[in-house]
C-alpha atoms as a PDB file:
ATOM      1  CA  MET A   1     -20.942  -9.932   2.183  1.00  0.00           C
ATOM      2  CA  ARG A   2     -16.867 -11.056   2.094  1.00  0.00           C
ATOM      3  CA  THR A   3     -16.364  -8.590  -0.653  1.00  0.00           C
ATOM      4  CA  ILE A   4     -17.682  -5.601   1.157  1.00  0.00           C
ATOM      5  CA  HIS A   5     -15.828  -6.361   3.805  1.00  0.00           C
ATOM      6  CA  LEU A   6     -13.101  -6.762   2.261  1.00  0.00           C
ATOM      7  CA  SER A   7     -13.538  -3.689  -0.038  1.00  0.00           C
ATOM      8  CA  LEU A   8     -14.071  -1.682   3.058  1.00  0.00           C
ATOM      9  CA  ILE A   9     -10.492  -2.391   4.803  1.00  0.00           C
ATOM     10  CA  ALA A  10      -8.782  -1.799   1.463  1.00  0.00           C
ATOM     11  CA  GLY A  11     -10.864   1.505   1.431  1.00  0.00           C
ATOM     12  CA  ALA A  12      -9.921   2.157   5.859  1.00  0.00           C
ATOM     13  CA  CYS A  13      -6.034   1.440   4.395  1.00  0.00           C
ATOM     14  CA  VAL A  14      -6.452   4.737   1.900  1.00  0.00           C
ATOM     15  CA  VAL A  15      -8.165   6.690   4.542  1.00  0.00           C
ATOM     16  CA  VAL A  16      -5.363   6.146   7.247  1.00  0.00           C
ATOM     17  CA  LEU A  17      -2.879   6.321   4.254  1.00  0.00           C
ATOM     18  CA  ALA A  18      -3.751   9.553   3.857  1.00  0.00           C
ATOM     19  CA  ALA A  19      -3.779  11.091   6.942  1.00  0.00           C
ATOM     20  CA  GLY A  20      -1.188   9.817   7.780  1.00  0.00           C
ATOM     21  CA  CYS A  21       0.378  11.877   5.257  1.00  0.00           C
ATOM     22  CA  SER A  22       3.291  14.298   6.577  1.00  0.00           C
ATOM     23  CA  THR A  23       5.934  16.593   5.184  1.00  0.00           C
ATOM     24  CA  LYS A  24       8.085  14.819   2.456  1.00  0.00           C
ATOM     25  CA  ASN A  25      12.159  16.091   2.802  1.00  0.00           C
ATOM     26  CA  SER A  26      13.874  14.249   0.463  1.00  0.00           C
ATOM     27  CA  GLY A  27      16.927  15.412  -1.967  1.00  0.00           C
ATOM     28  CA  SER A  28      14.524  15.935  -4.372  1.00  0.00           C
ATOM     29  CA  GLY A  29      13.028  18.613  -2.397  1.00  0.00           C
ATOM     30  CA  THR A  30       9.683  18.803   0.038  1.00  0.00           C
ATOM     31  CA  SER A  31       6.346  18.554  -0.312  1.00  0.00           C
ATOM     32  CA  SER A  32       3.021  18.932   1.962  1.00  0.00           C
ATOM     33  CA  ALA A  33       0.679  16.969   2.561  1.00  0.00           C
ATOM     34  CA  GLY A  34      -1.132  17.431  -0.207  1.00  0.00           C
ATOM     35  CA  GLY A  35       1.859  17.469  -2.266  1.00  0.00           C
ATOM     36  CA  ALA A  36       3.138  19.912  -4.325  1.00  0.00           C
ATOM     37  CA  ALA A  37       1.337  23.425  -3.934  1.00  0.00           C
ATOM     38  CA  GLY A  38      -2.117  21.730  -2.907  1.00  0.00           C
ATOM     39  CA  GLY A  39      -1.697  18.949  -4.688  1.00  0.00           C
ATOM     40  CA  LYS A  40      -2.909  15.249  -4.841  1.00  0.00           C
ATOM     41  CA  ILE A  41      -1.279  12.773  -2.399  1.00  0.00           C
ATOM     42  CA  ASN A  42       0.031   9.462  -4.330  1.00  0.00           C
ATOM     43  CA  ILE A  43      -0.414   6.684  -3.156  1.00  0.00           C
ATOM     44  CA  TYR A  44       0.649   3.402  -5.091  1.00  0.00           C
ATOM     45  CA  LEU A  45      -0.848  -0.074  -3.568  1.00  0.00           C
ATOM     46  CA  LEU A  46       0.959  -2.920  -4.257  1.00  0.00           C
ATOM     47  CA  PRO A  47      -0.436  -6.462  -4.467  1.00  0.00           C
ATOM     48  CA  LYS A  48       1.164 -10.226  -4.641  1.00  0.00           C
ATOM     49  CA  LYS A  49      -0.069 -10.631  -7.810  1.00  0.00           C
ATOM     50  CA  LYS A  50      -2.261  -8.852 -10.048  1.00  0.00           C
ATOM     51  CA  GLY A  51      -4.896 -10.724 -11.765  1.00  0.00           C
ATOM     52  CA  VAL A  52      -6.348 -12.364  -8.249  1.00  0.00           C
ATOM     53  CA  ALA A  53     -10.256 -12.002  -7.501  1.00  0.00           C
ATOM     54  CA  TYR A  54      -8.984 -10.900  -4.059  1.00  0.00           C
ATOM     55  CA  PHE A  55      -6.606  -8.108  -4.805  1.00  0.00           C
ATOM     56  CA  THR A  56      -8.971  -6.852  -7.175  1.00  0.00           C
ATOM     57  CA  SER A  57     -11.273  -6.262  -4.308  1.00  0.00           C
ATOM     58  CA  CYS A  58      -8.679  -4.443  -2.615  1.00  0.00           C
ATOM     59  CA  ASP A  59      -8.407  -2.250  -5.329  1.00  0.00           C
ATOM     60  CA  ASN A  60     -12.381  -1.358  -5.768  1.00  0.00           C
ATOM     61  CA  GLY A  61     -12.316  -0.513  -2.401  1.00  0.00           C
ATOM     62  CA  ALA A  62      -9.044   1.773  -2.657  1.00  0.00           C
ATOM     63  CA  GLU A  63     -10.418   3.424  -5.724  1.00  0.00           C
ATOM     64  CA  GLN A  64     -13.950   4.102  -3.983  1.00  0.00           C
ATOM     65  CA  ALA A  65     -12.474   5.708  -0.607  1.00  0.00           C
ATOM     66  CA  ALA A  66      -9.890   7.482  -2.775  1.00  0.00           C
ATOM     67  CA  LYS A  67     -12.753   9.229  -5.242  1.00  0.00           C
ATOM     68  CA  ASP A  68     -14.931   9.888  -1.710  1.00  0.00           C
ATOM     69  CA  LEU A  69     -11.680  11.551  -0.643  1.00  0.00           C
ATOM     70  CA  GLY A  70     -10.407  13.593  -3.354  1.00  0.00           C
ATOM     71  CA  ASP A  71      -7.311  14.491  -3.430  1.00  0.00           C
ATOM     72  CA  VAL A  72      -5.694  11.426  -3.390  1.00  0.00           C
ATOM     73  CA  ASN A  73      -4.053  10.097  -6.876  1.00  0.00           C
ATOM     74  CA  LEU A  74      -4.455   5.779  -6.895  1.00  0.00           C
ATOM     75  CA  VAL A  75      -2.391   3.459  -8.694  1.00  0.00           C
ATOM     76  CA  TYR A  76      -2.598   0.230  -8.233  1.00  0.00           C
ATOM     77  CA  ASP A  77      -0.260  -2.031 -10.017  1.00  0.00           C
ATOM     78  CA  GLY A  78       1.523  -4.852  -9.368  1.00  0.00           C
ATOM     79  CA  PRO A  79       3.617  -8.520 -11.298  1.00  0.00           C
ATOM     80  CA  THR A  80       0.874 -10.440 -12.764  1.00  0.00           C
ATOM     81  CA  ASP A  81       3.250 -13.484 -12.321  1.00  0.00           C
ATOM     82  CA  GLY A  82       3.938 -12.461  -8.603  1.00  0.00           C
ATOM     83  CA  SER A  83       7.675 -11.738  -9.217  1.00  0.00           C
ATOM     84  CA  PRO A  84       9.118 -10.670  -6.190  1.00  0.00           C
ATOM     85  CA  GLU A  85      12.035  -8.835  -8.193  1.00  0.00           C
ATOM     86  CA  ALA A  86       9.551  -7.179 -10.324  1.00  0.00           C
ATOM     87  CA  SER A  87       7.690  -5.753  -7.052  1.00  0.00           C
ATOM     88  CA  ALA A  88      10.751  -4.335  -5.813  1.00  0.00           C
ATOM     89  CA  SER A  89      11.003  -2.815  -9.045  1.00  0.00           C
ATOM     90  CA  LEU A  90       8.072  -1.122  -8.693  1.00  0.00           C
ATOM     91  CA  ILE A  91       8.563  -0.083  -5.722  1.00  0.00           C
ATOM     92  CA  ASP A  92      11.950   1.944  -6.724  1.00  0.00           C
ATOM     93  CA  THR A  93       9.915   3.093  -9.444  1.00  0.00           C
ATOM     94  CA  TRP A  94       7.348   4.734  -7.866  1.00  0.00           C
ATOM     95  CA  THR A  95       9.999   6.316  -5.419  1.00  0.00           C
ATOM     96  CA  LEU A  96      11.570   7.911  -8.085  1.00  0.00           C
ATOM     97  CA  LYS A  97       8.681   9.687  -9.130  1.00  0.00           C
ATOM     98  CA  GLY A  98       7.663  10.996  -6.075  1.00  0.00           C
ATOM     99  CA  ALA A  99       5.454   8.681  -4.261  1.00  0.00           C
ATOM    100  CA  ASN A 100       3.949  10.291  -0.684  1.00  0.00           C
ATOM    101  CA  VAL A 101       2.757   6.649  -0.016  1.00  0.00           C
ATOM    102  CA  ILE A 102       3.591   2.470  -0.650  1.00  0.00           C
ATOM    103  CA  ALA A 103       1.016   0.411   0.202  1.00  0.00           C
ATOM    104  CA  VAL A 104       2.665  -3.451  -0.120  1.00  0.00           C
ATOM    105  CA  SER A 105       1.730  -6.881   0.304  1.00  0.00           C
ATOM    106  CA  PRO A 106       4.694  -8.448   0.388  1.00  0.00           C
ATOM    107  CA  ASN A 107       5.506 -12.089  -1.503  1.00  0.00           C
ATOM    108  CA  ASP A 108       8.549 -12.122  -0.531  1.00  0.00           C
ATOM    109  CA  PRO A 109       9.693  -9.879   2.654  1.00  0.00           C
ATOM    110  CA  ASP A 110      13.648 -10.454   2.365  1.00  0.00           C
ATOM    111  CA  VAL A 111      13.612  -9.211  -1.611  1.00  0.00           C
ATOM    112  CA  LEU A 112      11.401  -6.367  -0.833  1.00  0.00           C
ATOM    113  CA  ALA A 113      12.977  -4.901   2.398  1.00  0.00           C
ATOM    114  CA  PRO A 114      15.747  -3.055   0.712  1.00  0.00           C
ATOM    115  CA  SER A 115      13.780  -1.262  -1.729  1.00  0.00           C
ATOM    116  CA  MET A 116      11.272  -0.572   1.284  1.00  0.00           C
ATOM    117  CA  LYS A 117      13.974   0.738   3.576  1.00  0.00           C
ATOM    118  CA  LYS A 118      15.412   2.815   0.269  1.00  0.00           C
ATOM    119  CA  ALA A 119      11.758   4.463  -0.021  1.00  0.00           C
ATOM    120  CA  GLN A 120      11.872   5.506   3.650  1.00  0.00           C
ATOM    121  CA  THR A 121      14.664   6.684   3.070  1.00  0.00           C
ATOM    122  CA  GLU A 122      13.179   9.356   1.057  1.00  0.00           C
ATOM    123  CA  GLY A 123      10.583  10.337   3.303  1.00  0.00           C
ATOM    124  CA  VAL A 124       8.348   7.841   1.615  1.00  0.00           C
ATOM    125  CA  LYS A 125       5.387   6.317   4.352  1.00  0.00           C
ATOM    126  CA  VAL A 126       5.748   2.712   3.211  1.00  0.00           C
ATOM    127  CA  LEU A 127       3.116   0.121   5.163  1.00  0.00           C
ATOM    128  CA  THR A 128       2.523  -3.296   4.633  1.00  0.00           C
ATOM    129  CA  TRP A 129      -1.388  -5.208   4.027  1.00  0.00           C
ATOM    130  CA  ASP A 130      -2.725  -8.630   3.500  1.00  0.00           C
ATOM    131  CA  ALA A 131       0.981  -9.968   4.559  1.00  0.00           C
ATOM    132  CA  ASP A 132       3.818  -8.630   6.853  1.00  0.00           C
ATOM    133  CA  GLY A 133       7.030  -7.738   6.014  1.00  0.00           C
ATOM    134  CA  ALA A 134      10.230  -6.214   7.343  1.00  0.00           C
ATOM    135  CA  LYS A 135       9.387  -4.555  10.217  1.00  0.00           C
ATOM    136  CA  ASP A 136      12.007  -2.668   9.753  1.00  0.00           C
ATOM    137  CA  ALA A 137      10.869  -1.736   6.641  1.00  0.00           C
ATOM    138  CA  ARG A 138       8.063  -0.071   6.858  1.00  0.00           C
ATOM    139  CA  SER A 139       5.695   2.370   9.258  1.00  0.00           C
ATOM    140  CA  PHE A 140       2.396  -0.127  10.382  1.00  0.00           C
ATOM    141  CA  PHE A 141       1.093  -3.497   9.452  1.00  0.00           C
ATOM    142  CA  VAL A 142      -2.153  -3.384   8.352  1.00  0.00           C
ATOM    143  CA  ASP A 143      -3.969  -7.078   8.614  1.00  0.00           C
ATOM    144  CA  GLN A 144      -7.264  -7.959   7.321  1.00  0.00           C
ATOM    145  CA  ALA A 145      -8.019 -10.215   9.830  1.00  0.00           C
ATOM    146  CA  THR A 146      -6.447 -12.035  13.213  1.00  0.00           C
ATOM    147  CA  SER A 147      -5.283 -15.420  13.410  1.00  0.00           C
ATOM    148  CA  GLU A 148      -8.044 -15.686  15.990  1.00  0.00           C
ATOM    149  CA  GLU A 149     -10.938 -14.721  13.494  1.00  0.00           C
ATOM    150  CA  ILE A 150      -9.311 -16.912  10.236  1.00  0.00           C
ATOM    151  CA  GLY A 151      -8.985 -20.066  12.727  1.00  0.00           C
ATOM    152  CA  ASN A 152     -12.736 -19.123  13.504  1.00  0.00           C
ATOM    153  CA  ALA A 153     -13.952 -18.839   9.938  1.00  0.00           C
ATOM    154  CA  LEU A 154     -12.231 -22.126   8.983  1.00  0.00           C
ATOM    155  CA  VAL A 155     -13.542 -24.264  11.480  1.00  0.00           C
ATOM    156  CA  ASP A 156     -17.597 -22.391  10.636  1.00  0.00           C
ATOM    157  CA  ARG A 157     -16.793 -23.395   7.066  1.00  0.00           C
END
Protein backbone atom coordinates (compact mmCIF):
# COMPACT_ATOMS: atom_id res chain seq x y z
CA MET A 1 0.00 0.00 0.00
CA ARG A 2 2.83 2.40 0.88
CA THR A 3 4.50 1.77 -2.50
CA ILE A 4 1.27 2.56 -4.33
CA HIS A 5 0.89 5.77 -2.30
CA LEU A 6 4.45 6.89 -3.09
CA SER A 7 4.05 6.05 -6.76
CA LEU A 8 0.84 8.06 -6.94
CA ILE A 9 2.58 11.05 -5.37
CA ALA A 10 5.47 10.85 -7.84
CA GLY A 11 3.06 10.43 -10.74
CA ALA A 12 1.01 13.41 -9.59
CA CYS A 13 4.22 15.42 -9.41
CA VAL A 14 5.00 14.70 -13.05
CA VAL A 15 1.46 15.55 -14.13
CA VAL A 16 1.59 18.87 -12.26
CA LEU A 17 5.01 19.60 -13.70
CA ALA A 18 3.99 18.84 -17.25
CA ALA A 19 0.83 20.92 -16.94
CA GLY A 20 2.73 23.78 -15.35
CA CYS A 21 5.38 24.13 -18.03
CA SER A 22 5.11 27.38 -19.90
CA THR A 23 7.16 29.31 -22.37
CA LYS A 24 10.83 29.32 -21.52
CA ASN A 25 13.04 32.23 -22.44
CA SER A 26 16.74 32.06 -21.80
CA GLY A 27 19.84 33.46 -23.33
CA SER A 28 20.06 30.42 -25.60
CA GLY A 29 16.66 30.78 -27.24
CA THR A 30 13.00 30.05 -26.73
CA SER A 31 11.10 26.85 -26.31
CA SER A 32 7.44 26.18 -25.62
CA ALA A 33 5.67 23.89 -23.18
CA GLY A 34 6.14 20.95 -25.48
CA GLY A 35 9.77 21.78 -26.11
CA ALA A 36 11.13 23.00 -29.40
CA ALA A 37 8.75 22.49 -32.30
CA GLY A 38 6.28 20.51 -30.22
CA GLY A 39 8.91 18.15 -28.78
CA LYS A 40 8.82 16.52 -25.38
CA ILE A 41 8.96 18.32 -22.05
CA ASN A 42 12.28 17.58 -20.33
CA ILE A 43 11.77 16.85 -16.63
CA TYR A 44 14.66 15.92 -14.36
CA LEU A 45 13.94 14.19 -11.05
CA LEU A 46 16.70 14.50 -8.43
CA PRO A 47 16.48 12.37 -5.26
CA LYS A 48 18.58 12.99 -2.16
CA LYS A 49 20.35 9.67 -2.69
CA LYS A 50 19.95 7.28 -5.59
CA GLY A 51 19.50 3.61 -4.71
CA VAL A 52 17.15 4.14 -1.74
CA ALA A 53 13.90 2.14 -2.04
CA TYR A 54 11.70 5.17 -1.31
CA PHE A 55 13.25 7.21 -4.11
CA THR A 56 13.21 4.23 -6.49
CA SER A 57 9.46 3.96 -5.85
CA CYS A 58 9.07 7.66 -6.62
CA ASP A 59 11.00 7.15 -9.86
CA ASN A 60 8.74 4.24 -10.83
CA GLY A 61 5.61 6.34 -10.31
CA ALA A 62 7.06 9.29 -12.20
CA GLU A 63 8.13 7.03 -15.08
CA GLN A 64 4.61 5.63 -15.34
CA ALA A 65 3.08 9.12 -15.32
CA ALA A 66 5.55 10.27 -17.99
CA LYS A 67 4.66 7.25 -20.11
CA ASP A 68 0.93 7.91 -19.67
CA LEU A 69 1.35 11.56 -20.69
CA GLY A 70 3.49 10.65 -23.68
CA ASP A 71 5.05 14.07 -24.22
CA VAL A 72 7.43 13.90 -21.25
CA ASN A 73 11.08 12.93 -21.30
CA LEU A 74 11.82 12.04 -17.67
CA VAL A 75 15.36 11.64 -16.40
CA TYR A 76 15.90 10.28 -12.88
CA ASP A 77 19.41 10.62 -11.53
CA GLY A 78 21.26 11.57 -8.40
CA PRO A 79 24.33 10.90 -6.34
CA THR A 80 24.67 7.40 -4.89
CA ASP A 81 26.51 8.82 -1.89
CA GLY A 82 24.03 11.65 -1.16
CA SER A 83 26.59 14.34 -1.90
CA PRO A 84 24.91 17.77 -2.08
CA GLU A 85 27.78 19.04 -4.23
CA ALA A 86 27.11 16.26 -6.76
CA SER A 87 23.41 17.17 -6.71
CA ALA A 88 24.23 20.84 -7.37
CA SER A 89 26.44 19.79 -10.28
CA LEU A 90 23.58 17.76 -11.78
CA ILE A 91 21.25 20.77 -11.54
CA ASP A 92 23.84 22.90 -13.36
CA THR A 93 24.30 20.24 -16.05
CA TRP A 94 20.55 19.79 -16.59
CA THR A 95 20.08 23.56 -16.84
CA LEU A 96 22.70 23.67 -19.60
CA LYS A 97 20.98 20.74 -21.37
CA GLY A 98 17.76 22.75 -21.64
CA ALA A 99 15.64 21.32 -18.84
CA ASN A 100 12.06 22.53 -18.72
CA VAL A 101 11.59 21.32 -15.14
CA ILE A 102 13.91 20.17 -12.37
CA ALA A 103 12.30 18.51 -9.33
CA VAL A 104 14.70 18.37 -6.39
CA SER A 105 14.61 16.50 -3.09
CA PRO A 106 17.27 18.65 -1.45
CA ASN A 107 19.65 17.01 0.99
CA ASP A 108 21.32 20.34 1.81
CA PRO A 109 19.19 23.34 0.82
CA ASP A 110 22.03 25.83 1.37
CA VAL A 111 24.40 24.00 -0.99
CA LEU A 112 21.71 23.46 -3.67
CA ALA A 113 20.11 26.93 -3.57
CA PRO A 114 22.64 28.71 -5.85
CA SER A 115 22.26 26.08 -8.60
CA MET A 116 18.48 26.05 -8.22
CA LYS A 117 18.32 29.87 -8.42
CA LYS A 118 20.55 29.88 -11.49
CA ALA A 119 18.26 27.34 -13.17
CA GLN A 120 15.28 29.60 -12.44
CA THR A 121 17.02 32.59 -14.02
CA GLU A 122 17.45 30.44 -17.15
CA GLY A 123 13.69 29.83 -17.26
CA VAL A 124 13.67 26.35 -15.73
CA LYS A 125 10.71 25.53 -13.48
CA VAL A 126 12.28 24.34 -10.23
CA LEU A 127 10.33 22.67 -7.46
CA THR A 128 11.15 20.67 -4.39
CA TRP A 129 9.60 17.39 -3.30
CA ASP A 130 9.99 15.11 -0.28
CA ALA A 131 12.01 17.84 1.52
CA ASP A 132 11.86 21.57 1.04
CA GLY A 133 14.62 23.89 -0.02
CA ALA A 134 15.11 27.64 0.09
CA LYS A 135 11.77 29.23 -0.77
CA ASP A 136 13.37 31.68 -3.22
CA ALA A 137 15.11 28.82 -5.04
CA ARG A 138 11.93 26.96 -6.05
CA SER A 139 8.43 27.65 -7.37
CA PHE A 140 6.64 25.31 -4.98
CA PHE A 141 7.05 22.32 -2.68
CA VAL A 142 5.25 18.98 -3.06
CA ASP A 143 5.04 17.12 0.24
CA GLN A 144 4.01 13.48 0.56
CA ALA A 145 2.47 13.96 4.01
CA THR A 146 1.67 16.64 6.55
CA SER A 147 3.33 16.73 9.96
CA GLU A 148 0.00 15.63 11.46
CA GLU A 149 -0.22 12.60 9.13
CA ILE A 150 3.34 11.58 9.99
CA GLY A 151 2.62 11.95 13.71
CA ASN A 152 -0.54 9.86 13.42
CA ALA A 153 1.33 7.14 11.50
CA LEU A 154 4.06 7.04 14.14
CA VAL A 155 1.49 6.75 16.94
CA ASP A 156 -0.34 3.98 15.04
CA ARG A 157 2.88 2.00 14.67
